[in-house]
Amino acid sequence: MKRIFKLITVVFALLGLGGCSHITMLRTQELREVQTRVDSLHTELVSVHEKIEESQKTQIEMLRLLRADQQVRFNELDRKISAVEGNVSESHYKLSRIDEKTAEFKKQFEAKLIADSTSAGIQNSEIEKLFQIAKTDFNAGRYDIAKSGFEDLITQYPESNLVENAEYWIAECFYAKRDYNNAGKRYIGYIKKYPDGEKMSVTLYKLGLTYEKLNKVKSKNMVWKKLLDQYPESQEAKMVKVQMEG
């Protein structure tokens, strides 16, 4: 801008040296108009430049805000991912603990089963020995001792499968001692307690014999009829038929 002004000054000086003619004045006027237009363009350029700078500042600020917002979002996403990873790790830990506890429980349970099985085997062996001892006493004619042995087995091991047999043999002890009243009561007790017992047919037969000893013929016939009806193919039913035919 200063260079243009200096150029105009030089022109004016030259014109002054050569005299001021009408053409020179016109040129001067044109130069002034040119200067005015140049100044106007410069002003417009400055304004445009300022607008561009303002626009750039606005864009830079928007970009900064956008980046800041993205950073916040990224930080939030990282936080959520970290939280999820933490939850996953905690879940894995809990599952590991559950697996450990499950394995330990299984181990304890299996050990208990083995111990219970061993204990049950030992107990069953002991019960079997008690039963066999009582049975040996019975076979040897020691009926009172045998009866006590069977009663001890029932008292000590009421859940044993041998209790049913023990009940029958107690009745047999009374019958062997010719205590028919108590024998009859114990046979009837067996029938009521074990209506489908494995010794049902022989019990009905022996109860009939007990009634026969007590001279209760009607009771005997009633019991043996039940034996023939319910267990017609049993050995006891065959013996009853032989006795009735005889």
C-alpha atoms as a PDB file:
ATOM      1  CA  MET A   1       0.000   0.000   0.000  1.00  0.00           C
ATOM      2  CA  LYS A   2       2.838   2.394   0.872  1.00  0.00           C
ATOM      3  CA  ARG A   3       4.575   1.520  -2.366  1.00  0.00           C
ATOM      4  CA  ILE A   4       1.528   2.595  -4.386  1.00  0.00           C
ATOM      5  CA  PHE A   5       1.391   5.874  -2.521  1.00  0.00           C
ATOM      6  CA  LYS A   6       5.072   6.523  -3.224  1.00  0.00           C
ATOM      7  CA  LEU A   7       4.532   5.746  -6.919  1.00  0.00           C
ATOM      8  CA  ILE A   8       1.729   8.286  -7.107  1.00  0.00           C
ATOM      9  CA  THR A   9       3.918  10.883  -5.412  1.00  0.00           C
ATOM     10  CA  VAL A  10       6.689  10.330  -7.914  1.00  0.00           C
ATOM     11  CA  VAL A  11       4.208  10.686 -10.777  1.00  0.00           C
ATOM     12  CA  PHE A  12       2.949  13.954  -9.296  1.00  0.00           C
ATOM     13  CA  ALA A  13       6.494  15.185  -9.027  1.00  0.00           C
ATOM     14  CA  LEU A  14       7.268  14.379 -12.625  1.00  0.00           C
ATOM     15  CA  LEU A  15       4.104  15.992 -13.767  1.00  0.00           C
ATOM     16  CA  GLY A  16       4.970  19.050 -11.736  1.00  0.00           C
ATOM     17  CA  LEU A  17       8.312  19.253 -13.461  1.00  0.00           C
ATOM     18  CA  GLY A  18       6.794  18.993 -16.885  1.00  0.00           C
ATOM     19  CA  GLY A  19       3.923  21.345 -16.170  1.00  0.00           C
ATOM     20  CA  CYS A  20       0.335  20.607 -15.313  1.00  0.00           C
ATOM     21  CA  SER A  21      -1.569  19.934 -18.420  1.00  0.00           C
ATOM     22  CA  HIS A  22      -5.193  18.972 -18.722  1.00  0.00           C
ATOM     23  CA  ILE A  23      -4.249  15.412 -19.621  1.00  0.00           C
ATOM     24  CA  THR A  24      -2.043  15.184 -16.626  1.00  0.00           C
ATOM     25  CA  MET A  25      -4.867  16.223 -14.362  1.00  0.00           C
ATOM     26  CA  LEU A  26      -7.089  13.614 -15.874  1.00  0.00           C
ATOM     27  CA  ARG A  27      -4.461  11.001 -15.255  1.00  0.00           C
ATOM     28  CA  THR A  28      -4.123  12.194 -11.761  1.00  0.00           C
ATOM     29  CA  GLN A  29      -7.833  11.910 -11.258  1.00  0.00           C
ATOM     30  CA  GLU A  30      -7.810   8.368 -12.637  1.00  0.00           C
ATOM     31  CA  LEU A  31      -4.933   7.464 -10.354  1.00  0.00           C
ATOM     32  CA  ARG A  32      -6.847   8.780  -7.392  1.00  0.00           C
ATOM     33  CA  GLU A  33      -9.865   6.708  -8.386  1.00  0.00           C
ATOM     34  CA  VAL A  34      -7.625   3.720  -8.744  1.00  0.00           C
ATOM     35  CA  GLN A  35      -6.182   4.448  -5.307  1.00  0.00           C
ATOM     36  CA  THR A  36      -9.699   4.699  -3.908  1.00  0.00           C
ATOM     37  CA  ARG A  37     -10.668   1.396  -5.465  1.00  0.00           C
ATOM     38  CA  VAL A  38      -7.467  -0.212  -4.207  1.00  0.00           C
ATOM     39  CA  ASP A  39      -8.169   1.076  -0.706  1.00  0.00           C
ATOM     40  CA  SER A  40     -11.726  -0.220  -0.939  1.00  0.00           C
ATOM     41  CA  LEU A  41     -10.508  -3.618  -2.112  1.00  0.00           C
ATOM     42  CA  HIS A  42      -7.960  -3.675   0.666  1.00  0.00           C
ATOM     43  CA  THR A  43     -10.663  -2.921   3.193  1.00  0.00           C
ATOM     44  CA  GLU A  44     -12.803  -5.695   1.734  1.00  0.00           C
ATOM     45  CA  LEU A  45      -9.835  -8.068   1.817  1.00  0.00           C
ATOM     46  CA  VAL A  46      -9.178  -7.237   5.442  1.00  0.00           C
ATOM     47  CA  SER A  47     -12.860  -7.805   6.246  1.00  0.00           C
ATOM     48  CA  VAL A  48     -12.869 -11.110   4.360  1.00  0.00           C
ATOM     49  CA  HIS A  49      -9.660 -12.134   6.082  1.00  0.00           C
ATOM     50  CA  GLU A  50     -11.170 -11.294   9.471  1.00  0.00           C
ATOM     51  CA  LYS A  51     -14.282 -13.283   8.603  1.00  0.00           C
ATOM     52  CA  ILE A  52     -12.145 -16.213   7.490  1.00  0.00           C
ATOM     53  CA  GLU A  53     -10.149 -16.033  10.716  1.00  0.00           C
ATOM     54  CA  GLU A  54     -13.363 -15.860  12.733  1.00  0.00           C
ATOM     55  CA  SER A  55     -14.763 -18.814  10.812  1.00  0.00           C
ATOM     56  CA  GLN A  56     -11.554 -20.744  11.379  1.00  0.00           C
ATOM     57  CA  LYS A  57     -11.701 -19.961  15.078  1.00  0.00           C
ATOM     58  CA  THR A  58     -15.304 -21.140  15.171  1.00  0.00           C
ATOM     59  CA  GLN A  59     -14.416 -24.339  13.326  1.00  0.00           C
ATOM     60  CA  ILE A  60     -11.409 -24.923  15.581  1.00  0.00           C
ATOM     61  CA  GLU A  61     -13.605 -24.443  18.661  1.00  0.00           C
ATOM     62  CA  MET A  62     -16.236 -26.813  17.251  1.00  0.00           C
ATOM     63  CA  LEU A  63     -13.539 -29.366  16.479  1.00  0.00           C
ATOM     64  CA  ARG A  64     -12.146 -28.973  19.981  1.00  0.00           C
ATOM     65  CA  LEU A  65     -15.596 -29.471  21.501  1.00  0.00           C
ATOM     66  CA  LEU A  66     -16.207 -32.472  19.246  1.00  0.00           C
ATOM     67  CA  ARG A  67     -12.906 -34.009  20.242  1.00  0.00           C
ATOM     68  CA  ALA A  68     -13.625 -33.303  23.903  1.00  0.00           C
ATOM     69  CA  ASP A  69     -17.063 -34.945  23.564  1.00  0.00           C
ATOM     70  CA  GLN A  70     -15.509 -37.935  21.805  1.00  0.00           C
ATOM     71  CA  GLN A  71     -12.906 -38.201  24.543  1.00  0.00           C
ATOM     72  CA  VAL A  72     -15.637 -38.180  27.192  1.00  0.00           C
ATOM     73  CA  ARG A  73     -17.503 -40.872  25.276  1.00  0.00           C
ATOM     74  CA  PHE A  74     -14.330 -42.929  24.874  1.00  0.00           C
ATOM     75  CA  ASN A  75     -13.584 -42.573  28.588  1.00  0.00           C
ATOM     76  CA  GLU A  76     -17.128 -43.654  29.440  1.00  0.00           C
ATOM     77  CA  LEU A  77     -16.854 -46.600  27.047  1.00  0.00           C
ATOM     78  CA  ASP A  78     -13.515 -47.587  28.620  1.00  0.00           C
ATOM     79  CA  ARG A  79     -15.094 -47.363  32.055  1.00  0.00           C
ATOM     80  CA  LYS A  80     -17.998 -49.591  31.002  1.00  0.00           C
ATOM     81  CA  ILE A  81     -15.640 -52.070  29.343  1.00  0.00           C
ATOM     82  CA  SER A  82     -13.523 -52.141  32.499  1.00  0.00           C
ATOM     83  CA  ALA A  83     -16.664 -52.681  34.576  1.00  0.00           C
ATOM     84  CA  VAL A  84     -17.767 -55.539  32.297  1.00  0.00           C
ATOM     85  CA  GLU A  85     -14.306 -57.087  32.441  1.00  0.00           C
ATOM     86  CA  GLY A  86     -14.393 -56.744  36.223  1.00  0.00           C
ATOM     87  CA  ASN A  87     -17.806 -58.440  36.364  1.00  0.00           C
ATOM     88  CA  VAL A  88     -16.591 -61.206  34.062  1.00  0.00           C
ATOM     89  CA  SER A  89     -13.517 -61.732  36.229  1.00  0.00           C
ATOM     90  CA  GLU A  90     -15.657 -61.784  39.360  1.00  0.00           C
ATOM     91  CA  SER A  91     -18.058 -64.243  37.732  1.00  0.00           C
ATOM     92  CA  HIS A  92     -15.150 -66.488  36.727  1.00  0.00           C
ATOM     93  CA  TYR A  93     -13.863 -66.309  40.289  1.00  0.00           C
ATOM     94  CA  LYS A  94     -17.267 -67.156  41.736  1.00  0.00           C
ATOM     95  CA  LEU A  95     -17.671 -70.022  39.272  1.00  0.00           C
ATOM     96  CA  SER A  96     -14.242 -71.294  40.225  1.00  0.00           C
ATOM     97  CA  ARG A  97     -15.199 -71.147  43.901  1.00  0.00           C
ATOM     98  CA  ILE A  98     -18.467 -72.949  43.148  1.00  0.00           C
ATOM     99  CA  ASP A  99     -16.583 -75.618  41.207  1.00  0.00           C
ATOM    100  CA  GLU A 100     -14.155 -76.002  44.103  1.00  0.00           C
ATOM    101  CA  LYS A 101     -16.983 -76.266  46.634  1.00  0.00           C
ATOM    102  CA  THR A 102     -18.871 -78.680  44.376  1.00  0.00           C
ATOM    103  CA  ALA A 103     -15.785 -80.844  43.992  1.00  0.00           C
ATOM    104  CA  GLU A 104     -15.202 -80.757  47.749  1.00  0.00           C
ATOM    105  CA  PHE A 105     -18.842 -81.597  48.474  1.00  0.00           C
ATOM    106  CA  LYS A 106     -18.716 -84.441  45.957  1.00  0.00           C
ATOM    107  CA  LYS A 107     -15.552 -85.727  47.556  1.00  0.00           C
ATOM    108  CA  GLN A 108     -17.092 -85.546  51.033  1.00  0.00           C
ATOM    109  CA  PHE A 109     -20.318 -87.128  49.786  1.00  0.00           C
ATOM    110  CA  GLU A 110     -18.451 -89.996  48.136  1.00  0.00           C
ATOM    111  CA  ALA A 111     -16.385 -90.467  51.261  1.00  0.00           C
ATOM    112  CA  LYS A 112     -19.580 -90.519  53.332  1.00  0.00           C
ATOM    113  CA  LEU A 113     -21.149 -93.039  50.970  1.00  0.00           C
ATOM    114  CA  ILE A 114     -18.110 -95.267  51.294  1.00  0.00           C
ATOM    115  CA  ALA A 115     -18.109 -94.848  55.078  1.00  0.00           C
ATOM    116  CA  ASP A 116     -21.875 -95.474  55.261  1.00  0.00           C
ATOM    117  CA  SER A 117     -21.548 -98.476  52.986  1.00  0.00           C
ATOM    118  CA  THR A 118     -18.713 -99.839  55.093  1.00  0.00           C
ATOM    119  CA  SER A 119     -20.620 -99.106  58.277  1.00  0.00           C
ATOM    120  CA  ALA A 120     -23.773-100.680  56.828  1.00  0.00           C
ATOM    121  CA  GLY A 121     -21.791-103.737  55.779  1.00  0.00           C
ATOM    122  CA  ILE A 122     -20.297-104.063  59.257  1.00  0.00           C
ATOM    123  CA  GLN A 123     -23.701-103.523  60.849  1.00  0.00           C
ATOM    124  CA  ASN A 124     -25.381-106.070  58.593  1.00  0.00           C
ATOM    125  CA  SER A 125     -22.643-108.534  59.455  1.00  0.00           C
ATOM    126  CA  GLU A 126     -23.223-107.938  63.167  1.00  0.00           C
ATOM    127  CA  ILE A 127     -26.993-108.333  62.783  1.00  0.00           C
ATOM    128  CA  GLU A 128     -26.503-111.534  60.839  1.00  0.00           C
ATOM    129  CA  LYS A 129     -24.231-112.871  63.600  1.00  0.00           C
ATOM    130  CA  LEU A 130     -26.799-111.997  66.287  1.00  0.00           C
ATOM    131  CA  PHE A 131     -29.496-113.766  64.287  1.00  0.00           C
ATOM    132  CA  GLN A 132     -27.372-116.859  63.711  1.00  0.00           C
ATOM    133  CA  ILE A 133     -26.374-117.039  67.385  1.00  0.00           C
ATOM    134  CA  ALA A 134     -30.046-116.888  68.413  1.00  0.00           C
ATOM    135  CA  LYS A 135     -30.906-119.480  65.792  1.00  0.00           C
ATOM    136  CA  THR A 136     -28.125-121.746  67.058  1.00  0.00           C
ATOM    137  CA  ASP A 137     -29.491-121.428  70.606  1.00  0.00           C
ATOM    138  CA  PHE A 138     -32.940-122.351  69.307  1.00  0.00           C
ATOM    139  CA  ASN A 139     -31.654-125.418  67.483  1.00  0.00           C
ATOM    140  CA  ALA A 140     -29.818-126.437  70.643  1.00  0.00           C
ATOM    141  CA  GLY A 141     -33.044-126.227  72.649  1.00  0.00           C
ATOM    142  CA  ARG A 142     -32.025-123.084  74.552  1.00  0.00           C
ATOM    143  CA  TYR A 143     -35.347-121.435  73.797  1.00  0.00           C
ATOM    144  CA  ASP A 144     -35.277-118.722  76.457  1.00  0.00           C
ATOM    145  CA  ILE A 145     -31.783-117.635  75.417  1.00  0.00           C
ATOM    146  CA  ALA A 146     -32.795-117.787  71.749  1.00  0.00           C
ATOM    147  CA  LYS A 147     -35.896-115.687  72.438  1.00  0.00           C
ATOM    148  CA  SER A 148     -33.780-113.064  74.228  1.00  0.00           C
ATOM    149  CA  GLY A 149     -31.363-112.995  71.286  1.00  0.00           C
ATOM    150  CA  PHE A 150     -34.165-112.418  68.789  1.00  0.00           C
ATOM    151  CA  GLU A 151     -35.679-109.736  71.004  1.00  0.00           C
ATOM    152  CA  ASP A 152     -32.301-107.976  71.340  1.00  0.00           C
ATOM    153  CA  LEU A 153     -31.961-107.933  67.563  1.00  0.00           C
ATOM    154  CA  ILE A 154     -35.409-106.338  67.173  1.00  0.00           C
ATOM    155  CA  THR A 155     -34.657-103.741  69.858  1.00  0.00           C
ATOM    156  CA  GLN A 156     -31.197-102.781  68.602  1.00  0.00           C
ATOM    157  CA  TYR A 157     -31.869-102.924  64.847  1.00  0.00           C
ATOM    158  CA  PRO A 158     -35.594-102.284  64.265  1.00  0.00           C
ATOM    159  CA  GLU A 159     -34.960-101.286  60.622  1.00  0.00           C
ATOM    160  CA  SER A 160     -33.160-104.514  59.737  1.00  0.00           C
ATOM    161  CA  ASN A 161     -34.623-106.945  57.201  1.00  0.00           C
ATOM    162  CA  LEU A 162     -34.058-109.750  59.708  1.00  0.00           C
ATOM    163  CA  VAL A 163     -36.586-108.291  62.169  1.00  0.00           C
ATOM    164  CA  GLU A 164     -39.428-110.061  60.364  1.00  0.00           C
ATOM    165  CA  ASN A 165     -37.695-113.434  60.757  1.00  0.00           C
ATOM    166  CA  ALA A 166     -36.872-112.650  64.372  1.00  0.00           C
ATOM    167  CA  GLU A 167     -40.580-112.006  65.064  1.00  0.00           C
ATOM    168  CA  TYR A 168     -41.457-115.412  63.638  1.00  0.00           C
ATOM    169  CA  TRP A 169     -38.780-117.249  65.601  1.00  0.00           C
ATOM    170  CA  ILE A 170     -39.865-115.685  68.883  1.00  0.00           C
ATOM    171  CA  ALA A 171     -43.270-117.291  68.278  1.00  0.00           C
ATOM    172  CA  GLU A 172     -41.468-120.539  67.510  1.00  0.00           C
ATOM    173  CA  CYS A 173     -39.607-120.299  70.838  1.00  0.00           C
ATOM    174  CA  PHE A 174     -42.910-120.101  72.701  1.00  0.00           C
ATOM    175  CA  TYR A 175     -44.325-122.989  70.654  1.00  0.00           C
ATOM    176  CA  ALA A 176     -41.251-125.111  71.317  1.00  0.00           C
ATOM    177  CA  LYS A 177     -41.671-124.438  75.047  1.00  0.00           C
ATOM    178  CA  ARG A 178     -45.336-125.510  74.694  1.00  0.00           C
ATOM    179  CA  ASP A 179     -46.448-122.057  75.766  1.00  0.00           C
ATOM    180  CA  TYR A 180     -49.236-122.137  73.200  1.00  0.00           C
ATOM    181  CA  ASN A 181     -51.097-119.065  74.398  1.00  0.00           C
ATOM    182  CA  ASN A 182     -48.069-116.777  73.929  1.00  0.00           C
ATOM    183  CA  ALA A 183     -47.109-118.646  70.774  1.00  0.00           C
ATOM    184  CA  GLY A 184     -50.564-117.959  69.334  1.00  0.00           C
ATOM    185  CA  LYS A 185     -50.306-114.277  70.232  1.00  0.00           C
ATOM    186  CA  ARG A 186     -46.926-113.956  68.528  1.00  0.00           C
ATOM    187  CA  TYR A 187     -48.093-115.790  65.400  1.00  0.00           C
ATOM    188  CA  ILE A 188     -51.113-113.480  65.178  1.00  0.00           C
ATOM    189  CA  GLY A 189     -48.800-110.503  65.747  1.00  0.00           C
ATOM    190  CA  TYR A 190     -46.647-111.617  62.824  1.00  0.00           C
ATOM    191  CA  ILE A 191     -49.699-112.043  60.558  1.00  0.00           C
ATOM    192  CA  LYS A 192     -50.963-108.539  61.369  1.00  0.00           C
ATOM    193  CA  LYS A 193     -47.560-106.895  61.008  1.00  0.00           C
ATOM    194  CA  TYR A 194     -46.460-108.770  57.863  1.00  0.00           C
ATOM    195  CA  PRO A 195     -49.582-109.703  55.841  1.00  0.00           C
ATOM    196  CA  ASP A 196     -47.367-110.406  52.833  1.00  0.00           C
ATOM    197  CA  GLY A 197     -44.420-111.728  54.825  1.00  0.00           C
ATOM    198  CA  GLU A 198     -42.179-114.474  53.488  1.00  0.00           C
ATOM    199  CA  LYS A 199     -43.143-116.746  56.397  1.00  0.00           C
ATOM    200  CA  MET A 200     -46.868-116.108  56.094  1.00  0.00           C
ATOM    201  CA  SER A 201     -47.801-119.622  54.951  1.00  0.00           C
ATOM    202  CA  VAL A 202     -45.793-121.403  57.662  1.00  0.00           C
ATOM    203  CA  THR A 203     -47.110-118.971  60.293  1.00  0.00           C
ATOM    204  CA  LEU A 204     -50.718-119.778  59.325  1.00  0.00           C
ATOM    205  CA  TYR A 205     -49.889-123.464  59.502  1.00  0.00           C
ATOM    206  CA  LYS A 206     -48.240-123.187  62.932  1.00  0.00           C
ATOM    207  CA  LEU A 207     -51.065-121.005  64.237  1.00  0.00           C
ATOM    208  CA  GLY A 208     -53.481-123.742  63.189  1.00  0.00           C
ATOM    209  CA  LEU A 209     -51.388-126.293  65.090  1.00  0.00           C
ATOM    210  CA  THR A 210     -51.403-123.961  68.107  1.00  0.00           C
ATOM    211  CA  TYR A 211     -55.199-123.766  68.025  1.00  0.00           C
ATOM    212  CA  GLU A 212     -55.278-127.544  67.730  1.00  0.00           C
ATOM    213  CA  LYS A 213     -53.151-127.821  70.889  1.00  0.00           C
ATOM    214  CA  LEU A 214     -55.550-125.440  72.624  1.00  0.00           C
ATOM    215  CA  ASN A 215     -58.531-127.456  71.390  1.00  0.00           C
ATOM    216  CA  LYS A 216     -59.834-124.513  69.324  1.00  0.00           C
ATOM    217  CA  VAL A 217     -60.991-126.534  66.358  1.00  0.00           C
ATOM    218  CA  LYS A 218     -63.056-123.778  64.715  1.00  0.00           C
ATOM    219  CA  SER A 219     -60.181-121.331  64.919  1.00  0.00           C
ATOM    220  CA  LYS A 220     -57.839-123.969  63.512  1.00  0.00           C
ATOM    221  CA  ASN A 221     -60.139-124.735  60.597  1.00  0.00           C
ATOM    222  CA  MET A 222     -60.600-121.022  59.849  1.00  0.00           C
ATOM    223  CA  VAL A 223     -56.842-120.373  59.810  1.00  0.00           C
ATOM    224  CA  TRP A 224     -56.079-123.398  57.674  1.00  0.00           C
ATOM    225  CA  LYS A 225     -58.835-122.472  55.231  1.00  0.00           C
ATOM    226  CA  LYS A 226     -57.131-119.107  54.830  1.00  0.00           C
ATOM    227  CA  LEU A 227     -53.848-120.947  54.241  1.00  0.00           C
ATOM    228  CA  LEU A 228     -55.428-123.166  51.553  1.00  0.00           C
ATOM    229  CA  ASP A 229     -57.096-120.177  49.864  1.00  0.00           C
ATOM    230  CA  GLN A 230     -54.094-117.864  49.838  1.00  0.00           C
ATOM    231  CA  TYR A 231     -51.205-120.313  49.467  1.00  0.00           C
ATOM    232  CA  PRO A 232     -52.649-123.437  47.846  1.00  0.00           C
ATOM    233  CA  GLU A 233     -49.304-124.471  46.326  1.00  0.00           C
ATOM    234  CA  SER A 234     -47.274-124.074  49.496  1.00  0.00           C
ATOM    235  CA  GLN A 235     -45.716-127.039  51.337  1.00  0.00           C
ATOM    236  CA  GLU A 236     -47.802-126.154  54.408  1.00  0.00           C
ATOM    237  CA  ALA A 237     -51.033-126.266  52.390  1.00  0.00           C
ATOM    238  CA  LYS A 238     -50.096-129.746  51.159  1.00  0.00           C
ATOM    239  CA  MET A 239     -49.508-130.883  54.745  1.00  0.00           C
ATOM    240  CA  VAL A 240     -52.895-129.463  55.784  1.00  0.00           C
ATOM    241  CA  LYS A 241     -54.585-131.382  52.956  1.00  0.00           C
ATOM    242  CA  VAL A 242     -52.915-134.597  54.086  1.00  0.00           C
ATOM    243  CA  GLN A 243     -54.054-134.067  57.668  1.00  0.00           C
ATOM    244  CA  MET A 244     -57.607-133.228  56.606  1.00  0.00           C
ATOM    245  CA  GLU A 245     -57.776-136.323  54.425  1.00  0.00           C
ATOM    246  CA  GLY A 246     -56.353-138.441  57.223  1.00  0.00           C
END
